[in-house]
Amino acid sequence: MKTLKFLLAGAATVLASAAFAQGAAPAASASGTANAAAPWPEAWFEIFKLAPGKQEEFIRRIDRADQVAATAGLPPIQIFVHEDGADWDVLLFKPVTGFKPTTAQEAAMAAKRKELHMESGPAYFLGIRETIASHTDSKAYGLLSAAQWLDKLDKWRAENPQPAQK
């Protein structure tokens, strides 16, 4: 239970920090809550326990991936490094953006990968997995306030009335 509380607190911190760092906040209506019809923001959380002695290599690989992504104008992955508590080493926060690179951006990213002597495709995943002991990920909705989530729930209930109880 202590681990779950720690991860939930960490996730809240990740969301708040990432939103602040990227200037992201859900659009609010005149009532101060997000438009219930607007799609919810989504993000991936990835939690890694790294292979012994591989923390620096793993983080350097993430940095190289960030350098490649920057050539397409993408922000860096938000990374949190374990200090004390639960049994994990690195937590990554990746907002879901729906970004699709143009042909020019793909070419720029490929050139940067080559410049950095970085693998791509299956070779990238084989290489980075050498640094990982275990990994889990979860997709989540957020950054949302409780009021924004309740607005969505209330809208859904209004559109999907339940049959009367007998």
N, C-alpha and C. Protein backbone atom coordinates (compact mmCIF):
# COMPACT_ATOMS: atom_id res chain seq x y z
N MET A 1 0.83 -1.19 0.00
CA MET A 1 0.00 0.00 0.00
C MET A 1 0.87 1.25 0.00
N LYS A 2 2.00 1.19 0.75
CA LYS A 2 2.91 2.33 0.79
C LYS A 2 3.44 2.63 -0.60
N THR A 3 3.76 1.59 -1.38
CA THR A 3 4.26 1.78 -2.74
C THR A 3 3.21 2.44 -3.62
N LEU A 4 1.95 1.99 -3.50
CA LEU A 4 0.87 2.57 -4.30
C LEU A 4 0.69 4.05 -3.96
N LYS A 5 0.69 4.38 -2.68
CA LYS A 5 0.55 5.79 -2.27
C LYS A 5 1.70 6.62 -2.84
N PHE A 6 2.90 6.07 -2.79
CA PHE A 6 4.07 6.79 -3.30
C PHE A 6 3.94 7.02 -4.80
N LEU A 7 3.53 5.98 -5.54
CA LEU A 7 3.40 6.13 -6.99
C LEU A 7 2.30 7.11 -7.35
N LEU A 8 1.17 7.09 -6.61
CA LEU A 8 0.10 8.05 -6.88
C LEU A 8 0.56 9.47 -6.60
N ALA A 9 1.26 9.66 -5.49
CA ALA A 9 1.79 10.99 -5.18
C ALA A 9 2.80 11.41 -6.25
N GLY A 10 3.63 10.47 -6.68
CA GLY A 10 4.59 10.77 -7.73
C GLY A 10 3.92 11.13 -9.04
N ALA A 11 2.85 10.42 -9.38
CA ALA A 11 2.12 10.71 -10.62
C ALA A 11 1.52 12.10 -10.58
N ALA A 12 0.96 12.48 -9.44
CA ALA A 12 0.40 13.83 -9.31
C ALA A 12 1.49 14.88 -9.48
N THR A 13 2.64 14.63 -8.89
CA THR A 13 3.76 15.56 -9.02
C THR A 13 4.23 15.64 -10.46
N VAL A 14 4.30 14.48 -11.12
CA VAL A 14 4.72 14.45 -12.53
C VAL A 14 3.78 15.30 -13.37
N LEU A 15 2.50 15.09 -13.21
CA LEU A 15 1.52 15.83 -14.00
C LEU A 15 1.64 17.33 -13.77
N ALA A 16 1.70 17.73 -12.52
CA ALA A 16 1.78 19.16 -12.20
C ALA A 16 3.08 19.76 -12.73
N SER A 17 4.18 19.06 -12.54
CA SER A 17 5.47 19.56 -13.00
C SER A 17 5.53 19.65 -14.51
N ALA A 18 5.04 18.63 -15.18
CA ALA A 18 5.07 18.62 -16.64
C ALA A 18 4.20 19.72 -17.21
N ALA A 19 3.04 19.90 -16.63
CA ALA A 19 2.14 20.95 -17.12
C ALA A 19 2.78 22.32 -16.92
N PHE A 20 3.39 22.52 -15.77
CA PHE A 20 4.04 23.80 -15.50
C PHE A 20 5.21 24.02 -16.46
N ALA A 21 6.02 22.97 -16.65
CA ALA A 21 7.19 23.10 -17.50
C ALA A 21 6.82 23.34 -18.96
N GLN A 22 5.71 22.75 -19.41
CA GLN A 22 5.34 22.87 -20.81
C GLN A 22 4.26 23.92 -21.03
N GLY A 23 3.83 24.60 -19.96
CA GLY A 23 2.80 25.62 -20.09
C GLY A 23 1.45 25.03 -20.45
N ALA A 24 1.26 23.73 -20.15
CA ALA A 24 0.01 23.08 -20.52
C ALA A 24 -0.99 23.17 -19.39
N ALA A 25 -2.20 23.48 -19.75
CA ALA A 25 -3.32 23.42 -18.81
C ALA A 25 -4.57 23.23 -19.64
N PRO A 26 -5.50 22.42 -19.16
CA PRO A 26 -6.72 22.22 -19.92
C PRO A 26 -7.49 23.52 -20.06
N ALA A 27 -8.14 23.70 -21.19
CA ALA A 27 -8.94 24.90 -21.42
C ALA A 27 -10.09 24.92 -20.44
N ALA A 28 -10.38 26.09 -19.87
CA ALA A 28 -11.45 26.21 -18.89
C ALA A 28 -12.60 27.00 -19.49
N SER A 29 -13.80 26.66 -19.05
CA SER A 29 -14.98 27.38 -19.47
C SER A 29 -15.20 28.56 -18.54
N ALA A 30 -16.27 29.32 -18.78
CA ALA A 30 -16.57 30.47 -17.93
C ALA A 30 -16.80 30.05 -16.49
N SER A 31 -17.27 28.82 -16.26
CA SER A 31 -17.50 28.35 -14.89
C SER A 31 -16.21 27.93 -14.20
N GLY A 32 -15.09 27.95 -14.94
CA GLY A 32 -13.81 27.60 -14.36
C GLY A 32 -13.44 26.14 -14.55
N THR A 33 -14.25 25.38 -15.26
CA THR A 33 -13.92 23.99 -15.51
C THR A 33 -13.73 23.79 -17.01
N ALA A 34 -13.07 22.70 -17.37
CA ALA A 34 -12.82 22.41 -18.78
C ALA A 34 -14.14 22.12 -19.48
N ASN A 35 -14.19 22.41 -20.74
CA ASN A 35 -15.35 22.11 -21.56
C ASN A 35 -15.58 20.60 -21.53
N ALA A 36 -16.77 20.19 -21.11
CA ALA A 36 -17.07 18.77 -20.97
C ALA A 36 -17.05 18.05 -22.30
N ALA A 37 -17.20 18.78 -23.42
CA ALA A 37 -17.19 18.15 -24.74
C ALA A 37 -15.77 18.00 -25.30
N ALA A 38 -14.83 18.74 -24.75
CA ALA A 38 -13.45 18.68 -25.25
C ALA A 38 -12.83 17.32 -24.89
N PRO A 39 -11.97 16.79 -25.76
CA PRO A 39 -11.33 15.51 -25.43
C PRO A 39 -10.40 15.67 -24.23
N TRP A 40 -10.31 14.63 -23.45
CA TRP A 40 -9.41 14.66 -22.30
C TRP A 40 -7.97 14.56 -22.75
N PRO A 41 -7.08 15.29 -22.12
CA PRO A 41 -5.65 15.10 -22.41
C PRO A 41 -5.24 13.72 -21.90
N GLU A 42 -4.29 13.11 -22.60
CA GLU A 42 -3.82 11.78 -22.22
C GLU A 42 -2.30 11.79 -22.12
N ALA A 43 -1.78 10.88 -21.32
CA ALA A 43 -0.34 10.76 -21.16
C ALA A 43 0.01 9.32 -20.82
N TRP A 44 1.24 8.96 -21.14
CA TRP A 44 1.80 7.67 -20.75
C TRP A 44 2.76 7.90 -19.61
N PHE A 45 2.69 7.02 -18.61
CA PHE A 45 3.67 6.95 -17.53
C PHE A 45 4.42 5.65 -17.72
N GLU A 46 5.74 5.72 -17.71
CA GLU A 46 6.55 4.51 -17.81
C GLU A 46 7.44 4.45 -16.58
N ILE A 47 7.39 3.31 -15.90
CA ILE A 47 8.16 3.12 -14.67
C ILE A 47 9.19 2.03 -14.93
N PHE A 48 10.46 2.35 -14.68
CA PHE A 48 11.55 1.44 -14.98
C PHE A 48 12.33 1.08 -13.72
N LYS A 49 12.64 -0.20 -13.61
CA LYS A 49 13.68 -0.66 -12.70
C LYS A 49 14.81 -1.04 -13.63
N LEU A 50 15.95 -0.41 -13.46
CA LEU A 50 17.04 -0.58 -14.41
C LEU A 50 17.99 -1.71 -14.00
N ALA A 51 18.68 -2.23 -14.99
CA ALA A 51 19.68 -3.26 -14.73
C ALA A 51 20.80 -2.63 -13.90
N PRO A 52 21.41 -3.42 -13.01
CA PRO A 52 22.48 -2.87 -12.17
C PRO A 52 23.57 -2.18 -13.01
N GLY A 53 23.92 -0.99 -12.60
CA GLY A 53 24.98 -0.24 -13.26
C GLY A 53 24.60 0.40 -14.58
N LYS A 54 23.32 0.39 -14.95
CA LYS A 54 22.89 0.88 -16.27
C LYS A 54 22.08 2.17 -16.22
N GLN A 55 21.97 2.81 -15.04
CA GLN A 55 21.15 4.01 -14.93
C GLN A 55 21.66 5.13 -15.83
N GLU A 56 22.95 5.41 -15.78
CA GLU A 56 23.49 6.50 -16.61
C GLU A 56 23.30 6.20 -18.09
N GLU A 57 23.58 4.98 -18.52
CA GLU A 57 23.41 4.63 -19.94
C GLU A 57 21.96 4.82 -20.38
N PHE A 58 21.01 4.38 -19.53
CA PHE A 58 19.60 4.54 -19.86
C PHE A 58 19.24 6.01 -20.03
N ILE A 59 19.66 6.84 -19.09
CA ILE A 59 19.33 8.26 -19.14
C ILE A 59 20.01 8.93 -20.33
N ARG A 60 21.21 8.52 -20.68
CA ARG A 60 21.87 9.07 -21.88
C ARG A 60 21.11 8.68 -23.15
N ARG A 61 20.56 7.48 -23.18
CA ARG A 61 19.75 7.06 -24.34
C ARG A 61 18.49 7.91 -24.45
N ILE A 62 17.86 8.23 -23.32
CA ILE A 62 16.68 9.09 -23.32
C ILE A 62 17.08 10.48 -23.82
N ASP A 63 18.23 10.97 -23.38
CA ASP A 63 18.71 12.28 -23.83
C ASP A 63 18.93 12.30 -25.35
N ARG A 64 19.52 11.24 -25.89
CA ARG A 64 19.71 11.19 -27.35
C ARG A 64 18.36 11.16 -28.08
N ALA A 65 17.40 10.42 -27.53
CA ALA A 65 16.06 10.40 -28.13
C ALA A 65 15.44 11.80 -28.09
N ASP A 66 15.65 12.52 -26.99
CA ASP A 66 15.16 13.90 -26.89
C ASP A 66 15.82 14.80 -27.93
N GLN A 67 17.12 14.61 -28.18
CA GLN A 67 17.81 15.41 -29.19
C GLN A 67 17.23 15.15 -30.58
N VAL A 68 16.91 13.89 -30.86
CA VAL A 68 16.30 13.55 -32.15
C VAL A 68 14.92 14.21 -32.24
N ALA A 69 14.11 14.07 -31.21
CA ALA A 69 12.76 14.64 -31.21
C ALA A 69 12.80 16.16 -31.34
N ALA A 70 13.81 16.79 -30.78
CA ALA A 70 13.92 18.26 -30.84
C ALA A 70 14.06 18.75 -32.28
N THR A 71 14.62 17.94 -33.17
CA THR A 71 14.75 18.36 -34.56
C THR A 71 13.38 18.51 -35.23
N ALA A 72 12.36 17.87 -34.63
CA ALA A 72 10.99 17.99 -35.14
C ALA A 72 10.17 18.98 -34.30
N GLY A 73 10.85 19.66 -33.37
CA GLY A 73 10.17 20.64 -32.54
C GLY A 73 9.43 20.07 -31.34
N LEU A 74 9.71 18.82 -30.99
CA LEU A 74 9.04 18.20 -29.85
C LEU A 74 9.78 18.50 -28.55
N PRO A 75 9.05 18.61 -27.45
CA PRO A 75 9.70 18.85 -26.16
C PRO A 75 10.36 17.57 -25.65
N PRO A 76 11.28 17.70 -24.69
CA PRO A 76 11.91 16.50 -24.13
C PRO A 76 10.93 15.70 -23.28
N ILE A 77 11.23 14.42 -23.12
CA ILE A 77 10.47 13.56 -22.22
C ILE A 77 10.71 14.07 -20.80
N GLN A 78 9.66 14.12 -20.01
CA GLN A 78 9.81 14.49 -18.61
C GLN A 78 10.28 13.26 -17.85
N ILE A 79 11.39 13.39 -17.13
CA ILE A 79 12.01 12.26 -16.46
C ILE A 79 12.12 12.55 -14.97
N PHE A 80 11.79 11.54 -14.18
CA PHE A 80 11.94 11.63 -12.73
C PHE A 80 12.83 10.50 -12.30
N VAL A 81 13.85 10.82 -11.50
CA VAL A 81 14.83 9.84 -11.06
C VAL A 81 14.58 9.54 -9.59
N HIS A 82 14.47 8.27 -9.27
CA HIS A 82 14.17 7.81 -7.92
C HIS A 82 15.19 8.31 -6.93
N GLU A 83 14.71 8.75 -5.79
CA GLU A 83 15.60 9.19 -4.72
C GLU A 83 15.44 8.32 -3.48
N ASP A 84 14.21 8.05 -3.09
CA ASP A 84 13.97 7.33 -1.84
C ASP A 84 12.58 6.73 -1.87
N GLY A 85 12.41 5.53 -1.36
CA GLY A 85 11.08 4.95 -1.25
C GLY A 85 10.91 3.69 -2.05
N ALA A 86 9.96 3.70 -2.96
CA ALA A 86 9.54 2.50 -3.69
C ALA A 86 10.65 1.91 -4.56
N ASP A 87 10.35 0.77 -5.15
CA ASP A 87 11.32 -0.02 -5.89
C ASP A 87 11.29 0.28 -7.38
N TRP A 88 11.73 1.47 -7.77
CA TRP A 88 11.86 1.83 -9.17
C TRP A 88 13.02 2.81 -9.30
N ASP A 89 13.52 2.99 -10.51
CA ASP A 89 14.67 3.87 -10.73
C ASP A 89 14.32 5.14 -11.49
N VAL A 90 13.52 5.01 -12.54
CA VAL A 90 13.20 6.15 -13.40
C VAL A 90 11.72 6.08 -13.78
N LEU A 91 11.06 7.23 -13.73
CA LEU A 91 9.68 7.36 -14.19
C LEU A 91 9.67 8.37 -15.32
N LEU A 92 9.06 8.00 -16.44
CA LEU A 92 8.95 8.91 -17.59
C LEU A 92 7.51 9.35 -17.74
N PHE A 93 7.32 10.61 -18.11
CA PHE A 93 5.99 11.15 -18.40
C PHE A 93 6.00 11.62 -19.84
N LYS A 94 5.06 11.08 -20.64
CA LYS A 94 5.00 11.41 -22.06
C LYS A 94 3.57 11.79 -22.43
N PRO A 95 3.30 13.10 -22.61
CA PRO A 95 1.96 13.49 -23.03
C PRO A 95 1.63 12.91 -24.41
N VAL A 96 0.40 12.49 -24.61
CA VAL A 96 -0.05 12.02 -25.92
C VAL A 96 -0.45 13.25 -26.71
N THR A 97 0.23 13.49 -27.82
CA THR A 97 -0.01 14.71 -28.59
C THR A 97 -0.67 14.46 -29.93
N GLY A 98 -0.58 13.23 -30.44
CA GLY A 98 -1.11 12.95 -31.77
C GLY A 98 -0.21 13.52 -32.87
N PHE A 99 0.98 13.97 -32.51
CA PHE A 99 1.93 14.56 -33.46
C PHE A 99 2.32 13.55 -34.53
N LYS A 100 2.25 13.96 -35.78
CA LYS A 100 2.70 13.16 -36.92
C LYS A 100 3.74 13.98 -37.66
N PRO A 101 5.00 13.52 -37.68
CA PRO A 101 6.04 14.31 -38.33
C PRO A 101 5.84 14.40 -39.84
N THR A 102 6.24 15.53 -40.38
CA THR A 102 6.22 15.71 -41.83
C THR A 102 7.39 14.93 -42.42
N THR A 103 7.42 14.83 -43.73
CA THR A 103 8.54 14.16 -44.40
C THR A 103 9.85 14.86 -44.08
N ALA A 104 9.84 16.19 -44.06
CA ALA A 104 11.06 16.96 -43.74
C ALA A 104 11.49 16.71 -42.29
N GLN A 105 10.53 16.64 -41.37
CA GLN A 105 10.88 16.38 -39.97
C GLN A 105 11.42 14.97 -39.80
N GLU A 106 10.84 14.00 -40.49
CA GLU A 106 11.36 12.63 -40.43
C GLU A 106 12.79 12.57 -40.94
N ALA A 107 13.07 13.30 -42.02
CA ALA A 107 14.43 13.32 -42.57
C ALA A 107 15.40 13.97 -41.57
N ALA A 108 14.97 15.06 -40.94
CA ALA A 108 15.82 15.73 -39.95
C ALA A 108 16.09 14.81 -38.76
N MET A 109 15.06 14.07 -38.33
CA MET A 109 15.25 13.15 -37.20
C MET A 109 16.19 12.01 -37.60
N ALA A 110 16.05 11.50 -38.80
CA ALA A 110 16.93 10.42 -39.27
C ALA A 110 18.38 10.91 -39.34
N ALA A 111 18.57 12.13 -39.82
CA ALA A 111 19.92 12.69 -39.89
C ALA A 111 20.52 12.85 -38.49
N LYS A 112 19.72 13.29 -37.53
CA LYS A 112 20.20 13.47 -36.16
C LYS A 112 20.54 12.11 -35.54
N ARG A 113 19.70 11.09 -35.80
CA ARG A 113 20.01 9.75 -35.30
C ARG A 113 21.36 9.27 -35.83
N LYS A 114 21.58 9.51 -37.13
CA LYS A 114 22.84 9.09 -37.75
C LYS A 114 24.01 9.85 -37.13
N GLU A 115 23.83 11.16 -36.95
CA GLU A 115 24.88 11.99 -36.33
C GLU A 115 25.24 11.49 -34.93
N LEU A 116 24.23 11.04 -34.17
CA LEU A 116 24.44 10.57 -32.80
C LEU A 116 24.81 9.09 -32.73
N HIS A 117 24.94 8.44 -33.90
CA HIS A 117 25.23 7.00 -33.96
C HIS A 117 24.20 6.23 -33.13
N MET A 118 22.93 6.59 -33.33
CA MET A 118 21.84 6.02 -32.55
C MET A 118 21.06 5.01 -33.38
N GLU A 119 20.73 3.87 -32.76
CA GLU A 119 19.93 2.86 -33.45
C GLU A 119 18.51 3.41 -33.65
N SER A 120 17.76 2.74 -34.52
CA SER A 120 16.35 3.07 -34.70
C SER A 120 15.58 1.77 -34.87
N GLY A 121 14.26 1.88 -34.82
CA GLY A 121 13.41 0.71 -35.02
C GLY A 121 13.71 -0.39 -34.02
N PRO A 122 13.68 -1.65 -34.47
CA PRO A 122 13.90 -2.77 -33.55
C PRO A 122 15.27 -2.73 -32.86
N ALA A 123 16.29 -2.23 -33.55
CA ALA A 123 17.62 -2.17 -32.95
C ALA A 123 17.64 -1.22 -31.76
N TYR A 124 16.87 -0.12 -31.83
CA TYR A 124 16.80 0.82 -30.69
C TYR A 124 16.22 0.10 -29.47
N PHE A 125 15.13 -0.63 -29.66
CA PHE A 125 14.48 -1.30 -28.53
C PHE A 125 15.34 -2.43 -27.97
N LEU A 126 16.06 -3.15 -28.83
CA LEU A 126 16.99 -4.17 -28.31
C LEU A 126 18.08 -3.53 -27.48
N GLY A 127 18.61 -2.41 -27.95
CA GLY A 127 19.69 -1.73 -27.22
C GLY A 127 19.25 -1.18 -25.89
N ILE A 128 18.12 -0.48 -25.86
CA ILE A 128 17.70 0.13 -24.60
C ILE A 128 17.25 -0.93 -23.60
N ARG A 129 16.73 -2.04 -24.11
CA ARG A 129 16.29 -3.09 -23.18
C ARG A 129 17.46 -3.73 -22.45
N GLU A 130 18.68 -3.59 -22.96
CA GLU A 130 19.84 -4.09 -22.24
C GLU A 130 20.07 -3.33 -20.94
N THR A 131 19.46 -2.16 -20.82
CA THR A 131 19.63 -1.34 -19.61
C THR A 131 18.49 -1.53 -18.61
N ILE A 132 17.47 -2.30 -18.96
CA ILE A 132 16.24 -2.39 -18.17
C ILE A 132 16.10 -3.76 -17.52
N ALA A 133 15.83 -3.77 -16.21
CA ALA A 133 15.52 -5.01 -15.50
C ALA A 133 14.03 -5.30 -15.58
N SER A 134 13.21 -4.28 -15.39
CA SER A 134 11.76 -4.44 -15.54
C SER A 134 11.14 -3.10 -15.89
N HIS A 135 9.94 -3.17 -16.45
CA HIS A 135 9.30 -1.97 -16.98
C HIS A 135 7.80 -2.16 -16.94
N THR A 136 7.09 -1.11 -16.62
CA THR A 136 5.64 -1.11 -16.71
C THR A 136 5.20 0.25 -17.23
N ASP A 137 4.06 0.28 -17.88
CA ASP A 137 3.55 1.58 -18.33
C ASP A 137 2.05 1.60 -18.21
N SER A 138 1.52 2.80 -18.14
CA SER A 138 0.08 3.02 -18.02
C SER A 138 -0.29 4.28 -18.76
N LYS A 139 -1.42 4.23 -19.46
CA LYS A 139 -1.96 5.42 -20.10
C LYS A 139 -2.98 6.01 -19.14
N ALA A 140 -2.96 7.33 -19.00
CA ALA A 140 -3.84 8.00 -18.04
C ALA A 140 -4.45 9.25 -18.66
N TYR A 141 -5.58 9.66 -18.13
CA TYR A 141 -6.15 10.95 -18.47
C TYR A 141 -5.56 11.98 -17.53
N GLY A 142 -5.28 13.18 -18.05
CA GLY A 142 -4.79 14.26 -17.21
C GLY A 142 -3.88 15.14 -18.01
N LEU A 143 -3.71 16.12 -17.55
CA LEU A 143 -3.86 16.87 -16.33
C LEU A 143 -5.30 17.39 -16.24
N LEU A 144 -6.04 16.94 -15.25
CA LEU A 144 -7.43 17.33 -15.04
C LEU A 144 -7.65 17.69 -13.58
N SER A 145 -8.56 18.60 -13.33
CA SER A 145 -9.01 18.84 -11.96
C SER A 145 -10.17 17.90 -11.68
N ALA A 146 -10.52 17.76 -10.42
CA ALA A 146 -11.67 16.94 -10.06
C ALA A 146 -12.93 17.51 -10.72
N ALA A 147 -13.07 18.84 -10.75
CA ALA A 147 -14.25 19.46 -11.36
C ALA A 147 -14.33 19.13 -12.85
N GLN A 148 -13.22 19.11 -13.54
CA GLN A 148 -13.21 18.78 -14.97
C GLN A 148 -13.64 17.34 -15.20
N TRP A 149 -13.16 16.42 -14.38
CA TRP A 149 -13.54 15.02 -14.52
C TRP A 149 -15.02 14.86 -14.24
N LEU A 150 -15.51 15.54 -13.20
CA LEU A 150 -16.94 15.46 -12.87
C LEU A 150 -17.81 16.06 -13.96
N ASP A 151 -17.34 17.13 -14.61
CA ASP A 151 -18.09 17.70 -15.75
C ASP A 151 -18.27 16.64 -16.84
N LYS A 152 -17.20 15.90 -17.14
CA LYS A 152 -17.28 14.84 -18.16
C LYS A 152 -18.25 13.75 -17.73
N LEU A 153 -18.19 13.35 -16.47
CA LEU A 153 -19.09 12.33 -15.96
C LEU A 153 -20.53 12.79 -16.04
N ASP A 154 -20.80 14.02 -15.61
CA ASP A 154 -22.16 14.55 -15.65
C ASP A 154 -22.68 14.63 -17.08
N LYS A 155 -21.82 15.04 -18.03
CA LYS A 155 -22.22 15.11 -19.43
C LYS A 155 -22.57 13.71 -19.94
N TRP A 156 -21.73 12.72 -19.63
CA TRP A 156 -21.99 11.35 -20.06
C TRP A 156 -23.32 10.86 -19.49
N ARG A 157 -23.56 11.10 -18.20
CA ARG A 157 -24.81 10.64 -17.58
C ARG A 157 -26.03 11.31 -18.22
N ALA A 158 -25.90 12.59 -18.56
CA ALA A 158 -27.03 13.29 -19.21
C ALA A 158 -27.31 12.69 -20.58
N GLU A 159 -26.27 12.26 -21.28
CA GLU A 159 -26.42 11.67 -22.62
C GLU A 159 -26.79 10.20 -22.58
N ASN A 160 -26.63 9.55 -21.44
CA ASN A 160 -26.85 8.10 -21.30
C ASN A 160 -27.69 7.82 -20.06
N PRO A 161 -28.96 8.26 -20.08
CA PRO A 161 -29.78 8.04 -18.89
C PRO A 161 -29.95 6.55 -18.60
N GLN A 162 -29.92 6.22 -17.33
CA GLN A 162 -30.06 4.83 -16.90
C GLN A 162 -31.55 4.54 -16.68
N PRO A 163 -31.95 3.30 -16.92
CA PRO A 163 -33.35 2.95 -16.68
C PRO A 163 -33.69 3.11 -15.20
N ALA A 164 -34.94 3.44 -14.93
CA ALA A 164 -35.37 3.62 -13.55
C ALA A 164 -35.28 2.31 -12.78
N GLN A 165 -34.85 2.39 -11.54
CA GLN A 165 -34.76 1.22 -10.66
C GLN A 165 -36.17 0.84 -10.20
N LYS A 166 -36.49 -0.45 -10.14
CA LYS A 166 -37.81 -0.92 -9.66
C LYS A 166 -37.74 -1.32 -8.24
